[in-house]
C-alpha atoms as a PDB file:
ATOM      1  CA  UNK A   1     -15.474   7.884 -12.702  1.00  0.00           C
ATOM      2  CA  UNK A   2     -14.711   9.445  -9.285  1.00  0.00           C
ATOM      3  CA  UNK A   3     -11.153  10.353  -8.418  1.00  0.00           C
ATOM      4  CA  UNK A   4      -9.525   8.153  -5.795  1.00  0.00           C
ATOM      5  CA  UNK A   5      -8.464  10.109  -2.710  1.00  0.00           C
ATOM      6  CA  UNK A   6      -4.946   9.189  -1.612  1.00  0.00           C
ATOM      7  CA  UNK A   7      -4.667   9.273   2.158  1.00  0.00           C
ATOM      8  CA  UNK A   8      -1.579  10.088   4.181  1.00  0.00           C
ATOM      9  CA  UNK A   9      -0.071   7.381   6.406  1.00  0.00           C
ATOM     10  CA  UNK A  10      -1.322   9.259   9.474  1.00  0.00           C
ATOM     11  CA  UNK A  11      -4.869   9.244   8.096  1.00  0.00           C
ATOM     12  CA  UNK A  12      -4.714   5.484   7.507  1.00  0.00           C
ATOM     13  CA  UNK A  13      -3.379   5.033  11.054  1.00  0.00           C
ATOM     14  CA  UNK A  14      -6.106   7.224  12.559  1.00  0.00           C
ATOM     15  CA  UNK A  15      -8.701   5.232  10.630  1.00  0.00           C
ATOM     16  CA  UNK A  16      -7.260   1.896  11.797  1.00  0.00           C
ATOM     17  CA  UNK A  17      -6.681   2.975  15.395  1.00  0.00           C
ATOM     18  CA  UNK A  18     -10.311   4.117  15.681  1.00  0.00           C
ATOM     19  CA  UNK A  19     -11.395   0.586  14.693  1.00  0.00           C
ATOM     20  CA  UNK A  20      -8.462  -1.852  15.068  1.00  0.00           C
ATOM     21  CA  UNK A  21     -10.162  -4.854  13.515  1.00  0.00           C
ATOM     22  CA  UNK A  22      -9.175  -7.371  10.851  1.00  0.00           C
ATOM     23  CA  UNK A  23     -11.967  -5.990   8.650  1.00  0.00           C
ATOM     24  CA  UNK A  24     -10.574  -2.441   8.918  1.00  0.00           C
ATOM     25  CA  UNK A  25      -7.097  -3.662   8.029  1.00  0.00           C
ATOM     26  CA  UNK A  26      -8.423  -5.590   5.027  1.00  0.00           C
ATOM     27  CA  UNK A  27     -10.214  -2.471   3.773  1.00  0.00           C
ATOM     28  CA  UNK A  28      -7.049  -0.397   4.227  1.00  0.00           C
ATOM     29  CA  UNK A  29      -5.107  -3.015   2.265  1.00  0.00           C
ATOM     30  CA  UNK A  30      -7.684  -2.785  -0.530  1.00  0.00           C
ATOM     31  CA  UNK A  31      -7.392   1.006  -0.451  1.00  0.00           C
ATOM     32  CA  UNK A  32      -3.587   0.786  -0.700  1.00  0.00           C
ATOM     33  CA  UNK A  33      -4.004  -1.420  -3.767  1.00  0.00           C
ATOM     34  CA  UNK A  34      -6.471   1.067  -5.308  1.00  0.00           C
ATOM     35  CA  UNK A  35      -4.132   3.947  -4.490  1.00  0.00           C
ATOM     36  CA  UNK A  36      -1.253   2.140  -6.185  1.00  0.00           C
ATOM     37  CA  UNK A  37      -3.319   1.691  -9.354  1.00  0.00           C
ATOM     38  CA  UNK A  38      -4.486   5.319  -9.230  1.00  0.00           C
ATOM     39  CA  UNK A  39      -0.895   6.571  -8.938  1.00  0.00           C
ATOM     40  CA  UNK A  40       0.222   4.437 -11.880  1.00  0.00           C
ATOM     41  CA  UNK A  41      -2.607   5.847 -13.990  1.00  0.00           C
ATOM     42  CA  UNK A  42      -2.218   9.460 -12.820  1.00  0.00           C
ATOM     43  CA  UNK A  43       1.508   9.477 -13.477  1.00  0.00           C
ATOM     44  CA  UNK A  44       1.151   7.807 -16.860  1.00  0.00           C
ATOM     45  CA  UNK A  45       3.728   5.165 -15.999  1.00  0.00           C
ATOM     46  CA  UNK A  46       5.356   3.663 -19.077  1.00  0.00           C
ATOM     47  CA  UNK A  47       8.674   2.372 -17.718  1.00  0.00           C
ATOM     48  CA  UNK A  48       9.538  -0.316 -15.194  1.00  0.00           C
ATOM     49  CA  UNK A  49      11.634   2.100 -13.137  1.00  0.00           C
ATOM     50  CA  UNK A  50       8.682   4.469 -12.647  1.00  0.00           C
ATOM     51  CA  UNK A  51       6.409   1.567 -11.686  1.00  0.00           C
ATOM     52  CA  UNK A  52       8.944   0.249  -9.205  1.00  0.00           C
ATOM     53  CA  UNK A  53       9.303   3.741  -7.704  1.00  0.00           C
ATOM     54  CA  UNK A  54       5.546   3.833  -7.014  1.00  0.00           C
ATOM     55  CA  UNK A  55       5.647   0.388  -5.415  1.00  0.00           C
ATOM     56  CA  UNK A  56       8.520   1.465  -3.165  1.00  0.00           C
ATOM     57  CA  UNK A  57       6.720   4.721  -2.328  1.00  0.00           C
ATOM     58  CA  UNK A  58       3.618   2.782  -1.278  1.00  0.00           C
ATOM     59  CA  UNK A  59       5.745   0.316   0.707  1.00  0.00           C
ATOM     60  CA  UNK A  60       7.294   3.218   2.627  1.00  0.00           C
ATOM     61  CA  UNK A  61       3.839   4.699   3.223  1.00  0.00           C
ATOM     62  CA  UNK A  62       2.669   1.351   4.628  1.00  0.00           C
ATOM     63  CA  UNK A  63       5.694   1.243   6.935  1.00  0.00           C
ATOM     64  CA  UNK A  64       4.871   4.759   8.186  1.00  0.00           C
ATOM     65  CA  UNK A  65       1.247   3.689   8.706  1.00  0.00           C
ATOM     66  CA  UNK A  66       2.311   0.537  10.574  1.00  0.00           C
ATOM     67  CA  UNK A  67       4.651   2.516  12.824  1.00  0.00           C
ATOM     68  CA  UNK A  68       1.654   4.533  14.038  1.00  0.00           C
ATOM     69  CA  UNK A  69      -0.289   1.415  15.130  1.00  0.00           C
ATOM     70  CA  UNK A  70       1.943   0.481  18.083  1.00  0.00           C
ATOM     71  CA  UNK A  71       3.102  -2.755  16.464  1.00  0.00           C
ATOM     72  CA  UNK A  72      -0.371  -4.063  15.653  1.00  0.00           C
ATOM     73  CA  UNK A  73       0.180  -3.789  11.881  1.00  0.00           C
ATOM     74  CA  UNK A  74       3.214  -5.474  10.339  1.00  0.00           C
ATOM     75  CA  UNK A  75       5.606  -3.073   8.579  1.00  0.00           C
ATOM     76  CA  UNK A  76       5.933  -5.513   5.662  1.00  0.00           C
ATOM     77  CA  UNK A  77       2.153  -5.712   5.231  1.00  0.00           C
ATOM     78  CA  UNK A  78       2.107  -3.940   1.863  1.00  0.00           C
ATOM     79  CA  UNK A  79       4.543  -6.469   0.444  1.00  0.00           C
ATOM     80  CA  UNK A  80       2.429  -9.297   1.875  1.00  0.00           C
ATOM     81  CA  UNK A  81      -0.686  -7.838   0.258  1.00  0.00           C
ATOM     82  CA  UNK A  82       1.079  -7.380  -3.065  1.00  0.00           C
ATOM     83  CA  UNK A  83       2.404 -10.954  -2.988  1.00  0.00           C
ATOM     84  CA  UNK A  84      -1.157 -12.228  -2.450  1.00  0.00           C
ATOM     85  CA  UNK A  85      -2.923  -9.977  -4.972  1.00  0.00           C
ATOM     86  CA  UNK A  86      -0.190  -9.447  -7.567  1.00  0.00           C
ATOM     87  CA  UNK A  87       2.563 -12.065  -7.149  1.00  0.00           C
ATOM     88  CA  UNK A  88       4.362 -11.220 -10.396  1.00  0.00           C
ATOM     89  CA  UNK A  89       4.423  -7.522  -9.559  1.00  0.00           C
ATOM     90  CA  UNK A  90       5.686  -8.217  -6.053  1.00  0.00           C
ATOM     91  CA  UNK A  91       8.450 -10.472  -7.367  1.00  0.00           C
ATOM     92  CA  UNK A  92       9.479  -7.715  -9.783  1.00  0.00           C
ATOM     93  CA  UNK A  93       9.635  -5.105  -7.013  1.00  0.00           C
ATOM     94  CA  UNK A  94      11.055  -7.263  -4.217  1.00  0.00           C
ATOM     95  CA  UNK A  95      12.697 -10.381  -5.669  1.00  0.00           C
ATOM     96  CA  UNK A  96      12.810 -13.469  -3.464  1.00  0.00           C
ATOM     97  CA  UNK A  97      16.199 -14.252  -2.083  1.00  0.00           C
END
């Protein structure tokens, strides 16, 4: 199985800004989800606190990515993606008020 390459926020932004389309953003969202899973596996996460730390790390990365798109991408996009794909996980990381 090939190793997943984790991109920096700047690399995601460069990729999006070269093709600012809904399709590109969807693919980046999928890649963020894959990167999250790869980090969980690579770090051998066994405790909730470690899992939550990865989710927060990825959320911050998304915010850094969004900041480099001149407001085109929402800074809370990672949380939106997680709520759609993994609602239980998202509720664990960012409980509804």
